[in-house]
Amino acid sequence: MVKSRARLIAGTAAALSAALVMTGCGSKSSDGDTAAGSSGSSCVDTSGDTVKLGFLNSMSGAMSISEKTVSDSLNLAAEQINDAGGILGKKIEPIQEDGASEPTVFAEKAEKLIQSDCVAAVFGGWTSSSRVAMRPVFKSLNNILFYPVQYEGLEADHNIFYTGATTNQQIIPALDFLRTEKKIKSIFLAGSDYVFPRTANKIIKQYCEEYGIKVVGEEYQPLDQGAWGTAVDKIVSTKPDVVFNTINGDSNVAFLQAYDDKGLNSSNAPIVSVSIAEEEAAAIPVDLTGQMTSWNYYQTVESPENAAFVKAFKAKFGEKRVTSDPMEAAYTSMFLYKAMVEKAGSFDTEKVIGAADGITYAAPEGKVTVNGENHHIAKTNLIGQVQPDKLIKTIFSSDGPIEPDPFLKTYSWWDPSKE
């Protein structure tokens, strides 16, 4: 199934338009909108002994390689919370929907979960296109989305909590590592053709300009397309010190297969990836040993919390299964939501959001803390290296959790108006 970039963008635009028609012209949220959402009536029913929560993940399509495992981790968290008594004494009743790797479907299913299934909150999404498509739905219907994936930043929404990394917690630390530890002088940018990679690479290019790193190439392919041969040829000819990979989903399989076919590896053409975690690495049929990643969690993190998480996940889903950053961020989001609700003493959207600031959780990745102003969480950056068994080992770590700065206000070189 190959779709053009135009279709992906058109789908997102259609979802946005539909949601804005539904909400009226005055309810469109700006990038920094953390003001209270619309006060539409809610059909959430907590009069019984359960509360419905929506799980919205791509169970089919190009992104299913990554998103199915997120659904698994959400179900594990729900089971553990229920075994411990639930949330305010209510057992979680998960309602699973398939976003089908299409932004318009994510928007439609989010609306269904909120208006028909009457869920108190929704957990899911992966691509920025899916998040952008859902954003006006949560704004207009005043529900909460917990988004578990690293993304390009430059956003803070009243109705969204971002439990994956923003740019200053993943991409910029990776660039700092490459510049100071690897002493790179040139870089090649390879990404999927949608919001996250293009915005991330805009930030990367400004960083490189500031620090004198030459960008020798920049290539994109549609999200579910595998025609990476020409781009890899350009990598061969430009000989960059490193390739910065913002490719998502099963496109990584095609990219790295083409990479391997040209004789490229971590010794002669190192890569830093920000969307390849343990789940994707295991599915890529080439030797990735030595290639690098930038995340906030790996299965190999050493802590009692992570040991318990990995053990529980494997016990439920099989010993051969692996854990990864997005699924850990999704798992963590369930416990953060539980803590917010219990602090608020209510499932009411505004009361839960109002209780969010300062909520902490001893997550498998380490201690995380919710920032009530921008709805992101403080996270420790980990630069990893793929091992022969396809697990990822930390080779460099930030000095503790990094406070989220989604708009890059603390970086003087960043100019959002500059292309």
Protein backbone atom coordinates (compact mmCIF):
# COMPACT_ATOMS: atom_id res chain seq x y z
CA MET A 1 0.00 0.00 0.00
CA VAL A 2 1.80 3.10 -1.24
CA LYS A 3 0.32 6.54 -0.74
CA SER A 4 1.65 9.90 -1.80
CA ARG A 5 2.70 12.63 0.56
CA ALA A 6 -0.19 14.66 -0.82
CA ARG A 7 -2.68 12.09 0.40
CA LEU A 8 -1.16 12.07 3.90
CA ILE A 9 -1.29 15.85 4.14
CA ALA A 10 -4.75 15.99 2.60
CA GLY A 11 -5.97 13.44 5.12
CA THR A 12 -4.68 15.50 8.01
CA ALA A 13 -6.20 18.64 6.57
CA ALA A 14 -9.54 16.93 6.08
CA ALA A 15 -9.58 15.75 9.69
CA LEU A 16 -8.72 19.22 10.91
CA SER A 17 -11.39 20.80 8.75
CA ALA A 18 -14.04 18.36 9.91
CA ALA A 19 -13.18 18.93 13.53
CA LEU A 20 -13.16 22.71 13.14
CA VAL A 21 -16.55 22.66 11.45
CA MET A 22 -17.80 20.64 14.39
CA THR A 23 -16.32 23.05 16.93
CA GLY A 24 -16.97 26.39 15.29
CA CYS A 25 -14.42 28.92 14.09
CA GLY A 26 -13.59 30.33 17.50
CA SER A 27 -12.33 27.09 19.07
CA LYS A 28 -9.24 26.40 16.98
CA SER A 29 -6.24 26.09 19.31
CA SER A 30 -2.92 27.78 18.69
CA ASP A 31 0.41 25.97 19.08
CA GLY A 32 0.80 27.22 22.63
CA ASP A 33 -2.81 26.94 23.70
CA THR A 34 -2.99 25.58 27.22
CA ALA A 35 -6.12 27.53 28.17
CA ALA A 36 -9.21 25.64 29.27
CA GLY A 37 -10.95 23.61 26.59
CA SER A 38 -14.57 23.86 25.49
CA SER A 39 -17.10 23.00 28.15
CA GLY A 40 -19.21 20.57 26.14
CA SER A 41 -21.31 18.09 28.10
CA SER A 42 -19.56 14.81 28.89
CA CYS A 43 -21.15 11.37 28.73
CA VAL A 44 -18.49 9.77 30.97
CA ASP A 45 -20.27 7.52 33.46
CA THR A 46 -18.51 6.69 36.72
CA SER A 47 -21.64 5.77 38.65
CA GLY A 48 -20.76 2.07 38.50
CA ASP A 49 -17.63 0.19 39.39
CA THR A 50 -15.77 0.82 36.10
CA VAL A 51 -14.40 3.72 34.06
CA LYS A 52 -13.85 3.53 30.31
CA LEU A 53 -10.50 4.56 28.83
CA GLY A 54 -9.74 4.65 25.11
CA PHE A 55 -6.68 3.02 23.55
CA LEU A 56 -6.15 4.38 20.02
CA ASN A 57 -3.26 2.76 18.17
CA SER A 58 -2.49 1.62 14.62
CA MET A 59 -3.25 -2.08 14.70
CA SER A 60 -2.96 -2.13 10.89
CA GLY A 61 -1.05 -0.25 8.20
CA ALA A 62 2.50 1.06 7.97
CA MET A 63 2.75 2.09 11.63
CA SER A 64 1.47 -1.16 13.11
CA ILE A 65 5.06 -2.42 13.39
CA SER A 66 5.50 0.19 16.12
CA GLU A 67 2.05 0.82 17.56
CA LYS A 68 0.79 -2.69 18.35
CA THR A 69 3.33 -2.96 21.16
CA VAL A 70 2.10 0.34 22.60
CA SER A 71 -1.38 -1.16 22.84
CA ASP A 72 0.14 -4.15 24.63
CA SER A 73 1.83 -1.95 27.21
CA LEU A 74 -1.35 0.03 27.82
CA ASN A 75 -3.24 -3.20 28.46
CA LEU A 76 -0.52 -4.35 30.86
CA ALA A 77 -0.76 -1.09 32.79
CA ALA A 78 -4.56 -1.31 32.92
CA GLU A 79 -4.36 -4.88 34.24
CA GLN A 80 -1.85 -3.90 36.93
CA ILE A 81 -3.88 -0.86 37.99
CA ASN A 82 -7.03 -2.98 38.17
CA ASP A 83 -5.25 -5.64 40.22
CA ALA A 84 -4.27 -2.91 42.67
CA GLY A 85 -7.84 -1.65 43.05
CA GLY A 86 -8.32 0.54 40.00
CA ILE A 87 -8.55 4.34 39.92
CA LEU A 88 -10.62 5.84 42.73
CA GLY A 89 -11.98 2.35 43.22
CA LYS A 90 -13.09 2.05 39.57
CA LYS A 91 -11.73 -0.75 37.41
CA ILE A 92 -10.48 0.34 33.98
CA GLU A 93 -12.55 -0.89 31.03
CA PRO A 94 -10.28 -0.45 27.97
CA ILE A 95 -11.88 0.36 24.62
CA GLN A 96 -9.43 -0.39 21.79
CA GLU A 97 -9.68 1.32 18.41
CA ASP A 98 -7.48 1.01 15.32
CA GLY A 99 -6.09 4.25 13.90
CA ALA A 100 -5.06 2.25 10.80
CA SER A 101 -1.97 4.46 10.25
CA GLU A 102 -4.22 7.20 8.79
CA PRO A 103 -4.61 10.65 10.41
CA THR A 104 -8.26 10.97 9.36
CA VAL A 105 -9.07 7.60 10.94
CA PHE A 106 -7.40 8.68 14.18
CA ALA A 107 -9.61 11.78 14.29
CA GLU A 108 -12.75 9.77 13.55
CA LYS A 109 -11.97 7.11 16.13
CA ALA A 110 -11.08 9.72 18.76
CA GLU A 111 -14.49 11.33 18.26
CA LYS A 112 -16.17 7.91 18.51
CA LEU A 113 -14.33 7.03 21.72
CA ILE A 114 -15.31 10.32 23.36
CA GLN A 115 -18.89 10.74 22.10
CA SER A 116 -20.10 7.14 21.67
CA ASP A 117 -17.98 5.08 24.03
CA CYS A 118 -17.87 7.85 26.66
CA VAL A 119 -14.24 7.35 27.68
CA ALA A 120 -12.71 9.56 30.36
CA ALA A 121 -9.39 9.83 28.49
CA VAL A 122 -7.62 8.44 25.42
CA PHE A 123 -4.12 7.00 25.17
CA GLY A 124 -2.41 6.72 21.81
CA GLY A 125 -1.35 8.17 18.49
CA TRP A 126 2.17 7.92 17.07
CA THR A 127 2.88 10.09 14.06
CA SER A 128 2.61 13.84 14.45
CA SER A 129 0.08 13.79 11.62
CA SER A 130 -2.17 11.60 13.76
CA ARG A 131 -1.75 13.90 16.76
CA VAL A 132 -2.42 17.04 14.72
CA ALA A 133 -5.56 15.45 13.28
CA MET A 134 -6.86 14.50 16.74
CA ARG A 135 -5.96 17.75 18.46
CA PRO A 136 -9.09 19.78 17.57
CA VAL A 137 -11.29 16.81 18.48
CA PHE A 138 -9.96 16.77 22.05
CA LYS A 139 -10.16 20.56 22.21
CA SER A 140 -13.79 20.75 21.09
CA LEU A 141 -15.00 17.80 23.15
CA ASN A 142 -12.81 18.69 26.15
CA ASN A 143 -11.31 15.28 26.71
CA ILE A 144 -7.69 14.30 27.42
CA LEU A 145 -5.18 12.67 25.07
CA PHE A 146 -2.03 11.04 26.43
CA TYR A 147 0.45 11.00 23.53
CA PRO A 148 3.35 8.58 24.15
CA VAL A 149 5.87 9.27 21.40
CA GLN A 150 8.85 11.58 20.96
CA TYR A 151 7.99 14.35 18.55
CA GLU A 152 9.18 17.63 17.02
CA GLY A 153 8.01 19.92 19.82
CA LEU A 154 6.76 23.46 19.15
CA GLU A 155 3.40 22.59 20.70
CA ALA A 156 1.65 22.61 24.07
CA ASP A 157 -2.06 21.90 24.25
CA HIS A 158 -4.48 22.13 27.15
CA ASN A 159 -6.04 18.76 26.31
CA ILE A 160 -2.87 16.78 25.54
CA PHE A 161 -0.18 15.33 27.80
CA TYR A 162 3.05 14.48 26.00
CA THR A 163 4.79 11.59 27.74
CA GLY A 164 7.37 11.03 25.00
CA ALA A 165 10.34 13.34 24.55
CA THR A 166 10.21 16.79 23.04
CA THR A 167 13.11 18.06 20.92
CA ASN A 168 15.36 19.27 23.75
CA GLN A 169 15.10 15.85 25.42
CA GLN A 170 16.01 13.68 22.42
CA ILE A 171 17.21 15.37 19.22
CA ILE A 172 19.30 18.20 20.67
CA PRO A 173 21.06 15.91 23.21
CA ALA A 174 21.86 13.55 20.32
CA LEU A 175 23.36 16.43 18.33
CA ASP A 176 25.33 17.58 21.39
CA PHE A 177 26.70 14.04 21.75
CA LEU A 178 27.67 13.82 18.09
CA ARG A 179 29.35 17.24 18.19
CA THR A 180 31.22 16.93 21.49
CA GLU A 181 31.89 13.19 21.74
CA LYS A 182 32.05 12.07 18.10
CA LYS A 183 33.45 15.40 16.79
CA ILE A 184 31.32 15.25 13.63
CA LYS A 185 31.77 17.88 10.91
CA SER A 186 29.13 16.67 8.42
CA ILE A 187 25.68 15.13 8.59
CA PHE A 188 23.10 13.63 6.21
CA LEU A 189 19.38 13.87 7.03
CA ALA A 190 17.02 11.00 6.08
CA GLY A 191 13.36 11.16 7.08
CA SER A 192 9.80 10.13 6.34
CA ASP A 193 7.85 12.83 4.52
CA TYR A 194 5.50 14.26 7.14
CA VAL A 195 5.39 16.73 10.01
CA PHE A 196 7.86 15.26 12.52
CA PRO A 197 10.89 14.61 10.28
CA ARG A 198 10.58 17.89 8.36
CA THR A 199 10.21 19.98 11.52
CA ALA A 200 12.93 18.02 13.33
CA ASN A 201 15.29 18.55 10.41
CA LYS A 202 14.51 22.27 10.34
CA ILE A 203 15.71 22.37 13.96
CA ILE A 204 18.73 20.18 13.16
CA LYS A 205 19.78 22.45 10.28
CA GLN A 206 19.70 25.54 12.49
CA TYR A 207 21.73 23.69 15.13
CA CYS A 208 24.26 22.69 12.49
CA GLU A 209 24.51 26.25 11.20
CA GLU A 210 25.19 27.47 14.73
CA TYR A 211 27.97 24.94 15.32
CA GLY A 212 29.56 24.75 11.90
CA ILE A 213 28.37 21.28 10.94
CA LYS A 214 27.80 20.81 7.20
CA VAL A 215 24.51 19.27 6.08
CA VAL A 216 25.59 17.32 2.98
CA GLY A 217 22.18 15.90 2.06
CA GLU A 218 18.50 15.79 3.00
CA GLU A 219 16.15 13.10 1.66
CA TYR A 220 12.52 12.15 2.35
CA GLN A 221 10.20 9.33 1.31
CA PRO A 222 6.46 8.92 1.99
CA LEU A 223 5.75 7.17 5.27
CA ASP A 224 4.95 3.76 3.82
CA GLN A 225 7.23 3.81 0.78
CA GLY A 226 10.42 1.78 0.45
CA ALA A 227 12.25 3.44 -2.45
CA TRP A 228 15.38 4.42 -0.52
CA GLY A 229 17.99 3.28 -3.04
CA THR A 230 18.66 6.73 -4.53
CA ALA A 231 18.95 8.34 -1.10
CA VAL A 232 21.42 5.68 0.01
CA ASP A 233 23.44 6.28 -3.16
CA LYS A 234 23.70 9.92 -2.11
CA ILE A 235 24.93 8.87 1.33
CA VAL A 236 27.60 6.75 -0.35
CA SER A 237 28.72 9.67 -2.52
CA THR A 238 28.65 12.43 0.14
CA LYS A 239 30.37 10.35 2.86
CA PRO A 240 28.85 12.12 5.89
CA ASP A 241 30.31 11.65 9.36
CA VAL A 242 26.85 10.52 10.47
CA VAL A 243 23.34 9.95 9.11
CA PHE A 244 20.55 11.37 11.26
CA ASN A 245 17.54 9.10 10.76
CA THR A 246 13.99 10.39 11.36
CA ILE A 247 12.32 7.64 9.29
CA ASN A 248 9.26 6.06 10.92
CA GLY A 249 7.44 2.74 10.77
CA ASP A 250 8.22 -0.08 8.37
CA SER A 251 10.02 2.34 6.02
CA ASN A 252 13.02 1.77 8.26
CA VAL A 253 13.17 -1.83 7.05
CA ALA A 254 13.52 -0.73 3.42
CA PHE A 255 16.00 2.04 4.27
CA LEU A 256 18.31 -0.19 6.26
CA GLN A 257 18.03 -3.03 3.77
CA ALA A 258 19.18 -0.60 1.05
CA TYR A 259 21.91 0.59 3.42
CA ASP A 260 23.12 -2.96 3.94
CA ASP A 261 22.94 -3.74 0.21
CA LYS A 262 25.42 -0.91 -0.43
CA GLY A 263 27.84 -2.28 2.16
CA LEU A 264 27.15 0.49 4.68
CA ASN A 265 27.37 -0.23 8.40
CA SER A 266 28.18 1.40 11.72
CA SER A 267 31.90 1.44 10.93
CA ASN A 268 31.81 3.25 7.61
CA ALA A 269 28.47 5.08 7.79
CA PRO A 270 27.17 5.45 11.38
CA ILE A 271 23.52 6.30 11.95
CA VAL A 272 21.71 7.94 14.84
CA SER A 273 18.02 7.00 14.81
CA VAL A 274 15.25 8.59 16.84
CA SER A 275 12.44 6.23 15.80
CA ILE A 276 14.14 2.82 15.86
CA ALA A 277 13.73 1.14 19.22
CA GLU A 278 13.97 -2.51 20.26
CA GLU A 279 10.72 -3.51 18.54
CA GLU A 280 11.79 -2.07 15.18
CA ALA A 281 15.39 -3.29 15.50
CA ALA A 282 14.20 -6.86 15.97
CA ALA A 283 12.09 -6.63 12.80
CA ILE A 284 14.88 -5.29 10.58
CA PRO A 285 16.66 -8.23 8.86
CA VAL A 286 20.15 -6.70 8.71
CA ASP A 287 23.02 -6.39 11.17
CA LEU A 288 22.55 -3.12 13.10
CA THR A 289 25.37 -3.73 15.57
CA GLY A 290 27.00 -0.47 16.56
CA GLN A 291 24.36 1.84 15.11
CA MET A 292 23.18 4.51 17.53
CA THR A 293 19.85 5.71 18.87
CA SER A 294 18.59 8.53 21.05
CA TRP A 295 15.73 7.79 23.44
CA ASN A 296 14.82 8.07 27.13
CA TYR A 297 14.38 4.36 27.83
CA TYR A 298 15.83 1.01 26.77
CA GLN A 299 14.99 -2.51 27.89
CA THR A 300 18.52 -2.71 29.28
CA VAL A 301 18.01 0.16 31.78
CA GLU A 302 19.11 -1.09 35.18
CA SER A 303 16.61 -0.32 37.92
CA PRO A 304 14.19 -2.29 40.10
CA GLU A 305 11.25 -0.57 38.38
CA ASN A 306 12.44 -1.58 34.92
CA ALA A 307 13.26 -5.12 35.98
CA ALA A 308 9.69 -5.51 37.26
CA PHE A 309 8.25 -3.93 34.10
CA VAL A 310 10.21 -6.14 31.70
CA LYS A 311 9.41 -9.26 33.73
CA ALA A 312 5.68 -8.46 33.77
CA PHE A 313 5.59 -7.64 30.06
CA LYS A 314 7.35 -10.85 29.07
CA ALA A 315 5.17 -12.90 31.40
CA LYS A 316 2.04 -11.53 29.73
CA PHE A 317 3.15 -11.40 26.09
CA GLY A 318 5.99 -13.90 25.77
CA GLU A 319 9.68 -14.19 26.61
CA LYS A 320 10.76 -13.26 23.09
CA ARG A 321 8.99 -9.90 23.21
CA VAL A 322 11.00 -6.75 23.86
CA THR A 323 10.22 -3.46 25.55
CA SER A 324 10.91 -0.04 24.03
CA ASP A 325 10.71 3.70 24.69
CA PRO A 326 7.26 4.53 23.22
CA MET A 327 5.60 1.58 24.92
CA GLU A 328 7.27 2.48 28.23
CA ALA A 329 6.07 6.08 27.83
CA ALA A 330 2.55 4.78 27.17
CA TYR A 331 2.74 2.46 30.18
CA THR A 332 3.95 5.36 32.32
CA SER A 333 1.15 7.61 31.06
CA MET A 334 -1.45 5.31 32.57
CA PHE A 335 0.08 5.62 36.02
CA LEU A 336 0.46 9.39 35.64
CA TYR A 337 -3.23 9.60 34.75
CA LYS A 338 -4.13 7.49 37.77
CA ALA A 339 -2.14 9.83 40.02
CA MET A 340 -3.75 12.92 38.48
CA VAL A 341 -7.27 11.56 38.94
CA GLU A 342 -6.61 10.54 42.51
CA LYS A 343 -5.07 13.93 43.32
CA ALA A 344 -8.11 15.62 41.75
CA GLY A 345 -10.53 13.21 43.42
CA SER A 346 -12.45 13.18 40.17
CA PHE A 347 -12.46 11.99 36.54
CA ASP A 348 -13.64 15.43 35.40
CA THR A 349 -11.36 16.67 32.61
CA GLU A 350 -10.67 20.13 34.02
CA LYS A 351 -10.09 18.86 37.54
CA VAL A 352 -7.67 16.20 36.28
CA ILE A 353 -5.74 18.73 34.18
CA GLY A 354 -5.66 21.11 37.14
CA ALA A 355 -4.11 18.42 39.32
CA ALA A 356 -1.34 17.51 36.86
CA ASP A 357 1.46 19.88 37.85
CA GLY A 358 4.21 18.21 39.84
CA ILE A 359 2.82 14.67 39.56
CA THR A 360 5.77 12.25 39.71
CA TYR A 361 6.14 8.56 39.00
CA ALA A 362 9.01 6.12 39.49
CA ALA A 363 8.85 4.87 35.90
CA PRO A 364 10.92 2.10 34.31
CA GLU A 365 12.98 4.86 32.63
CA GLY A 366 13.53 6.63 35.97
CA LYS A 367 11.68 9.34 37.84
CA VAL A 368 9.43 11.49 35.65
CA THR A 369 7.62 14.68 36.63
CA VAL A 370 4.70 16.41 34.89
CA ASN A 371 5.08 20.06 33.97
CA GLY A 372 1.64 21.56 34.52
CA GLU A 373 2.37 24.56 32.30
CA ASN A 374 3.30 22.80 29.05
CA HIS A 375 1.99 19.27 29.79
CA HIS A 376 5.30 17.57 29.01
CA ILE A 377 7.39 15.57 31.46
CA ALA A 378 11.00 15.85 32.60
CA LYS A 379 12.99 12.95 31.10
CA THR A 380 16.60 11.73 31.05
CA ASN A 381 18.19 11.38 27.60
CA LEU A 382 20.00 8.14 26.78
CA ILE A 383 22.23 7.66 23.75
CA GLY A 384 22.20 3.97 22.92
CA GLN A 385 24.06 1.53 20.70
CA VAL A 386 22.49 -1.53 19.10
CA GLN A 387 24.01 -4.80 20.29
CA PRO A 388 24.36 -8.05 18.29
CA ASP A 389 21.15 -9.38 19.91
CA LYS A 390 19.29 -6.23 18.70
CA LEU A 391 18.88 -4.89 22.24
CA ILE A 392 20.15 -1.36 22.86
CA LYS A 393 22.72 -0.45 25.49
CA THR A 394 23.21 3.04 26.91
CA ILE A 395 26.58 4.56 25.99
CA PHE A 396 25.90 8.13 27.14
CA SER A 397 23.37 9.76 29.45
CA SER A 398 22.28 13.29 30.26
CA ASP A 399 23.00 14.48 33.76
CA GLY A 400 19.58 13.63 35.15
CA PRO A 401 16.11 14.51 33.86
CA ILE A 402 15.93 17.34 31.32
CA GLU A 403 13.14 19.86 31.85
CA PRO A 404 10.89 20.04 28.78
CA ASP A 405 11.35 23.09 26.54
CA PRO A 406 8.98 22.35 23.65
CA PHE A 407 9.31 25.81 22.10
CA LEU A 408 13.14 25.88 22.46
CA LYS A 409 12.97 29.17 24.35
CA THR A 410 16.34 28.52 25.97
CA TYR A 411 18.19 28.11 22.64
CA SER A 412 19.32 31.44 21.18
CA TRP A 413 20.07 29.92 17.76
CA TRP A 414 16.49 28.75 17.18
CA ASP A 415 14.36 30.93 14.88
CA PRO A 416 10.92 29.40 14.12
CA SER A 417 10.38 31.88 11.28
CA LYS A 418 13.50 30.76 9.43
CA GLU A 419 13.19 28.03 6.82
